[in-house]
Amino acid sequence: MATATLSLLATDKLTGENYASWKNTINMILIIEDLRFVLMEECPLIPPPTAAQNIREAYEHWTQDNEKLRHDTLKYIFNSRMKEGAYVQEHVLNMIVHFNVA
């Protein structure tokens, strides 16, 4: 990711109260990085070995970008911090809610 994108992520960390703002930032970053299609489009079917080159390339492009996005998302979530003094159960439930709303 570009430095500008990383600084944008650093300035708008998810705290729970800022979910709408954080989600807008994430959507903007996905558009800038040309990864939003992974969330909006269904995964293409696995092409048969006899499929045309452009069909195989479309599938490979989608799966590679999906894995990149999954990796970046998990890294961001694992690095997110709980509120000081919060219970782990509360934090986990909040994270589940964020995933379900998204």
N, C-alpha and C. Protein backbone atom coordinates (compact mmCIF):
# COMPACT_ATOMS: atom_id res chain seq x y z
N MET A 1 0.84 -1.18 0.00
CA MET A 1 0.00 0.00 0.00
C MET A 1 0.88 1.24 0.00
N ALA A 2 0.37 2.27 -0.60
CA ALA A 2 1.12 3.52 -0.68
C ALA A 2 1.17 4.21 0.68
N THR A 3 2.14 5.06 0.86
CA THR A 3 2.31 5.77 2.12
C THR A 3 1.07 6.61 2.47
N ALA A 4 0.48 7.24 1.47
CA ALA A 4 -0.71 8.06 1.72
C ALA A 4 -1.86 7.19 2.23
N THR A 5 -1.99 6.00 1.67
CA THR A 5 -3.04 5.08 2.10
C THR A 5 -2.81 4.64 3.54
N LEU A 6 -1.57 4.32 3.85
CA LEU A 6 -1.25 3.89 5.21
C LEU A 6 -1.48 5.01 6.22
N SER A 7 -1.15 6.24 5.85
CA SER A 7 -1.39 7.35 6.78
C SER A 7 -2.88 7.59 6.96
N LEU A 8 -3.67 7.36 5.92
CA LEU A 8 -5.12 7.48 6.03
C LEU A 8 -5.67 6.44 7.00
N LEU A 9 -5.15 5.23 6.93
CA LEU A 9 -5.56 4.18 7.87
C LEU A 9 -5.15 4.54 9.30
N ALA A 10 -3.97 5.11 9.46
CA ALA A 10 -3.47 5.45 10.79
C ALA A 10 -4.29 6.55 11.45
N THR A 11 -4.84 7.46 10.65
CA THR A 11 -5.58 8.57 11.24
C THR A 11 -7.01 8.22 11.60
N ASP A 12 -7.54 7.14 11.03
CA ASP A 12 -8.94 6.78 11.28
C ASP A 12 -9.03 5.33 11.74
N LYS A 13 -8.50 5.06 12.92
CA LYS A 13 -8.56 3.71 13.48
C LYS A 13 -9.94 3.44 14.05
N LEU A 14 -10.35 2.20 13.93
CA LEU A 14 -11.66 1.79 14.43
C LEU A 14 -11.65 1.77 15.96
N THR A 15 -12.57 2.53 16.56
CA THR A 15 -12.67 2.56 18.01
C THR A 15 -14.03 2.08 18.50
N GLY A 16 -14.97 1.89 17.61
CA GLY A 16 -16.32 1.47 17.99
C GLY A 16 -17.30 2.60 17.79
N GLU A 17 -16.97 3.77 18.29
CA GLU A 17 -17.85 4.92 18.14
C GLU A 17 -17.75 5.53 16.74
N ASN A 18 -16.67 5.26 16.04
CA ASN A 18 -16.43 5.89 14.74
C ASN A 18 -16.62 4.91 13.58
N TYR A 19 -17.47 3.93 13.76
CA TYR A 19 -17.61 2.88 12.74
C TYR A 19 -17.97 3.44 11.37
N ALA A 20 -18.92 4.35 11.29
CA ALA A 20 -19.36 4.89 9.99
C ALA A 20 -18.20 5.59 9.28
N SER A 21 -17.46 6.40 10.01
CA SER A 21 -16.31 7.09 9.43
C SER A 21 -15.24 6.10 9.00
N TRP A 22 -14.97 5.12 9.85
CA TRP A 22 -13.96 4.10 9.55
C TRP A 22 -14.35 3.30 8.31
N LYS A 23 -15.64 2.93 8.20
CA LYS A 23 -16.10 2.16 7.05
C LYS A 23 -15.94 2.98 5.77
N ASN A 24 -16.25 4.27 5.82
CA ASN A 24 -16.05 5.13 4.65
C ASN A 24 -14.59 5.20 4.26
N THR A 25 -13.71 5.27 5.25
CA THR A 25 -12.27 5.30 4.97
C THR A 25 -11.82 4.01 4.32
N ILE A 26 -12.28 2.88 4.84
CA ILE A 26 -11.92 1.58 4.28
C ILE A 26 -12.42 1.46 2.85
N ASN A 27 -13.67 1.88 2.61
CA ASN A 27 -14.20 1.83 1.24
C ASN A 27 -13.38 2.70 0.29
N MET A 28 -12.99 3.88 0.75
CA MET A 28 -12.18 4.77 -0.07
C MET A 28 -10.83 4.12 -0.38
N ILE A 29 -10.22 3.50 0.61
CA ILE A 29 -8.93 2.84 0.39
C ILE A 29 -9.07 1.68 -0.59
N LEU A 30 -10.14 0.91 -0.45
CA LEU A 30 -10.36 -0.20 -1.37
C LEU A 30 -10.53 0.29 -2.81
N ILE A 31 -11.17 1.43 -2.97
CA ILE A 31 -11.33 2.00 -4.31
C ILE A 31 -9.99 2.48 -4.84
N ILE A 32 -9.21 3.17 -4.00
CA ILE A 32 -7.89 3.66 -4.41
C ILE A 32 -6.99 2.50 -4.80
N GLU A 33 -7.02 1.43 -4.01
CA GLU A 33 -6.16 0.27 -4.26
C GLU A 33 -6.74 -0.67 -5.32
N ASP A 34 -7.90 -0.33 -5.87
CA ASP A 34 -8.59 -1.13 -6.89
C ASP A 34 -8.89 -2.55 -6.37
N LEU A 35 -9.40 -2.62 -5.13
CA LEU A 35 -9.74 -3.90 -4.52
C LEU A 35 -11.21 -4.02 -4.14
N ARG A 36 -11.98 -2.97 -4.30
CA ARG A 36 -13.37 -3.00 -3.87
C ARG A 36 -14.19 -4.05 -4.61
N PHE A 37 -13.80 -4.36 -5.84
CA PHE A 37 -14.55 -5.34 -6.61
C PHE A 37 -14.60 -6.70 -5.92
N VAL A 38 -13.61 -7.00 -5.10
CA VAL A 38 -13.59 -8.28 -4.39
C VAL A 38 -14.77 -8.39 -3.43
N LEU A 39 -15.19 -7.26 -2.85
CA LEU A 39 -16.33 -7.27 -1.95
C LEU A 39 -17.65 -7.20 -2.69
N MET A 40 -17.64 -6.64 -3.88
CA MET A 40 -18.89 -6.37 -4.60
C MET A 40 -19.25 -7.47 -5.61
N GLU A 41 -18.29 -8.21 -6.08
CA GLU A 41 -18.53 -9.21 -7.12
C GLU A 41 -18.39 -10.61 -6.55
N GLU A 42 -19.18 -11.52 -7.09
CA GLU A 42 -19.06 -12.93 -6.72
C GLU A 42 -17.73 -13.46 -7.26
N CYS A 43 -17.19 -14.44 -6.56
CA CYS A 43 -15.98 -15.09 -7.05
C CYS A 43 -16.32 -15.82 -8.34
N PRO A 44 -15.53 -15.63 -9.38
CA PRO A 44 -15.79 -16.38 -10.62
C PRO A 44 -15.64 -17.88 -10.38
N LEU A 45 -16.35 -18.66 -11.16
CA LEU A 45 -16.23 -20.11 -11.07
C LEU A 45 -14.82 -20.52 -11.46
N ILE A 46 -14.36 -21.62 -10.90
CA ILE A 46 -13.04 -22.14 -11.26
C ILE A 46 -13.10 -22.55 -12.72
N PRO A 47 -12.24 -21.96 -13.52
CA PRO A 47 -12.31 -22.26 -14.95
C PRO A 47 -11.75 -23.65 -15.26
N PRO A 48 -12.35 -24.33 -16.21
CA PRO A 48 -11.80 -25.62 -16.62
C PRO A 48 -10.46 -25.42 -17.34
N PRO A 49 -9.66 -26.46 -17.43
CA PRO A 49 -8.35 -26.32 -18.10
C PRO A 49 -8.45 -25.85 -19.54
N THR A 50 -9.59 -26.06 -20.16
CA THR A 50 -9.75 -25.65 -21.56
C THR A 50 -10.32 -24.25 -21.72
N ALA A 51 -10.49 -23.54 -20.63
CA ALA A 51 -11.08 -22.19 -20.68
C ALA A 51 -10.14 -21.22 -21.38
N ALA A 52 -10.73 -20.19 -21.93
CA ALA A 52 -9.94 -19.16 -22.61
C ALA A 52 -9.02 -18.45 -21.63
N GLN A 53 -7.96 -17.89 -22.15
CA GLN A 53 -6.94 -17.22 -21.33
C GLN A 53 -7.56 -16.10 -20.49
N ASN A 54 -8.45 -15.30 -21.07
CA ASN A 54 -9.03 -14.17 -20.34
C ASN A 54 -9.92 -14.65 -19.19
N ILE A 55 -10.55 -15.80 -19.32
CA ILE A 55 -11.37 -16.37 -18.24
C ILE A 55 -10.46 -16.80 -17.09
N ARG A 56 -9.36 -17.48 -17.42
CA ARG A 56 -8.42 -17.92 -16.37
C ARG A 56 -7.77 -16.72 -15.68
N GLU A 57 -7.43 -15.69 -16.46
CA GLU A 57 -6.82 -14.48 -15.88
C GLU A 57 -7.79 -13.75 -14.95
N ALA A 58 -9.07 -13.68 -15.33
CA ALA A 58 -10.07 -13.03 -14.48
C ALA A 58 -10.20 -13.76 -13.15
N TYR A 59 -10.21 -15.08 -13.20
CA TYR A 59 -10.30 -15.88 -11.98
C TYR A 59 -9.06 -15.68 -11.11
N GLU A 60 -7.89 -15.74 -11.70
CA GLU A 60 -6.64 -15.57 -10.95
C GLU A 60 -6.55 -14.17 -10.35
N HIS A 61 -6.95 -13.16 -11.10
CA HIS A 61 -6.93 -11.78 -10.61
C HIS A 61 -7.83 -11.65 -9.38
N TRP A 62 -9.05 -12.18 -9.47
CA TRP A 62 -9.99 -12.09 -8.35
C TRP A 62 -9.45 -12.83 -7.13
N THR A 63 -8.95 -14.05 -7.31
CA THR A 63 -8.49 -14.82 -6.16
C THR A 63 -7.24 -14.21 -5.52
N GLN A 64 -6.33 -13.69 -6.32
CA GLN A 64 -5.13 -13.06 -5.77
C GLN A 64 -5.48 -11.80 -4.98
N ASP A 65 -6.35 -10.97 -5.54
CA ASP A 65 -6.74 -9.75 -4.83
C ASP A 65 -7.57 -10.07 -3.59
N ASN A 66 -8.38 -11.12 -3.65
CA ASN A 66 -9.15 -11.55 -2.49
C ASN A 66 -8.21 -11.97 -1.36
N GLU A 67 -7.19 -12.73 -1.67
CA GLU A 67 -6.22 -13.15 -0.64
C GLU A 67 -5.47 -11.96 -0.07
N LYS A 68 -5.09 -11.01 -0.92
CA LYS A 68 -4.39 -9.81 -0.44
C LYS A 68 -5.28 -9.02 0.51
N LEU A 69 -6.54 -8.84 0.12
CA LEU A 69 -7.48 -8.11 0.95
C LEU A 69 -7.74 -8.84 2.26
N ARG A 70 -7.89 -10.14 2.21
CA ARG A 70 -8.10 -10.94 3.42
C ARG A 70 -6.91 -10.81 4.37
N HIS A 71 -5.71 -10.88 3.81
CA HIS A 71 -4.50 -10.75 4.63
C HIS A 71 -4.43 -9.37 5.28
N ASP A 72 -4.65 -8.32 4.50
CA ASP A 72 -4.59 -6.96 5.04
C ASP A 72 -5.66 -6.72 6.10
N THR A 73 -6.85 -7.28 5.87
CA THR A 73 -7.94 -7.11 6.82
C THR A 73 -7.63 -7.81 8.14
N LEU A 74 -7.18 -9.04 8.06
CA LEU A 74 -6.85 -9.77 9.29
C LEU A 74 -5.70 -9.10 10.04
N LYS A 75 -4.73 -8.60 9.31
CA LYS A 75 -3.61 -7.90 9.96
C LYS A 75 -4.12 -6.66 10.68
N TYR A 76 -5.04 -5.92 10.05
CA TYR A 76 -5.59 -4.72 10.67
C TYR A 76 -6.39 -5.08 11.92
N ILE A 77 -7.21 -6.13 11.82
CA ILE A 77 -8.03 -6.53 12.97
C ILE A 77 -7.16 -6.99 14.13
N PHE A 78 -6.16 -7.79 13.84
CA PHE A 78 -5.29 -8.28 14.91
C PHE A 78 -4.52 -7.16 15.58
N ASN A 79 -4.28 -6.08 14.84
CA ASN A 79 -3.56 -4.94 15.41
C ASN A 79 -4.48 -3.92 16.07
N SER A 80 -5.80 -4.11 15.94
CA SER A 80 -6.71 -3.17 16.60
C SER A 80 -6.68 -3.41 18.10
N ARG A 81 -6.89 -2.38 18.84
CA ARG A 81 -6.78 -2.46 20.30
C ARG A 81 -8.14 -2.38 20.96
N MET A 82 -8.22 -3.05 22.09
CA MET A 82 -9.43 -2.96 22.90
C MET A 82 -9.40 -1.64 23.65
N LYS A 83 -10.58 -1.19 24.04
CA LYS A 83 -10.64 -0.02 24.90
C LYS A 83 -10.05 -0.38 26.26
N GLU A 84 -9.40 0.57 26.86
CA GLU A 84 -8.80 0.36 28.18
C GLU A 84 -9.88 -0.03 29.18
N GLY A 85 -9.68 -1.13 29.85
CA GLY A 85 -10.61 -1.58 30.88
C GLY A 85 -11.80 -2.37 30.35
N ALA A 86 -11.87 -2.58 29.04
CA ALA A 86 -12.99 -3.33 28.46
C ALA A 86 -12.78 -4.82 28.66
N TYR A 87 -13.87 -5.55 28.70
CA TYR A 87 -13.81 -7.00 28.79
C TYR A 87 -13.54 -7.58 27.40
N VAL A 88 -12.83 -8.69 27.36
CA VAL A 88 -12.52 -9.34 26.09
C VAL A 88 -13.80 -9.74 25.37
N GLN A 89 -14.76 -10.27 26.11
CA GLN A 89 -16.02 -10.69 25.51
C GLN A 89 -16.71 -9.51 24.81
N GLU A 90 -16.70 -8.36 25.44
CA GLU A 90 -17.32 -7.17 24.86
C GLU A 90 -16.60 -6.78 23.56
N HIS A 91 -15.27 -6.82 23.60
CA HIS A 91 -14.49 -6.48 22.41
C HIS A 91 -14.78 -7.44 21.26
N VAL A 92 -14.81 -8.73 21.55
CA VAL A 92 -15.07 -9.73 20.51
C VAL A 92 -16.47 -9.55 19.93
N LEU A 93 -17.45 -9.33 20.79
CA LEU A 93 -18.81 -9.11 20.30
C LEU A 93 -18.89 -7.87 19.43
N ASN A 94 -18.19 -6.81 19.81
CA ASN A 94 -18.15 -5.60 18.98
C ASN A 94 -17.53 -5.88 17.62
N MET A 95 -16.46 -6.65 17.58
CA MET A 95 -15.83 -6.98 16.31
C MET A 95 -16.77 -7.81 15.44
N ILE A 96 -17.51 -8.74 16.04
CA ILE A 96 -18.48 -9.55 15.29
C ILE A 96 -19.56 -8.65 14.70
N VAL A 97 -20.04 -7.71 15.49
CA VAL A 97 -21.06 -6.78 14.99
C VAL A 97 -20.51 -6.00 13.80
N HIS A 98 -19.28 -5.53 13.89
CA HIS A 98 -18.69 -4.77 12.79
C HIS A 98 -18.61 -5.61 11.52
N PHE A 99 -18.25 -6.89 11.66
CA PHE A 99 -18.20 -7.75 10.49
C PHE A 99 -19.59 -7.96 9.91
N ASN A 100 -20.57 -8.15 10.76
CA ASN A 100 -21.93 -8.41 10.27
C ASN A 100 -22.53 -7.18 9.60
N VAL A 101 -22.23 -5.99 10.09
CA VAL A 101 -22.77 -4.76 9.50
C VAL A 101 -22.12 -4.50 8.15
N ALA A 102 -20.82 -4.77 8.06
CA ALA A 102 -20.09 -4.56 6.81
C ALA A 102 -20.60 -5.54 5.78
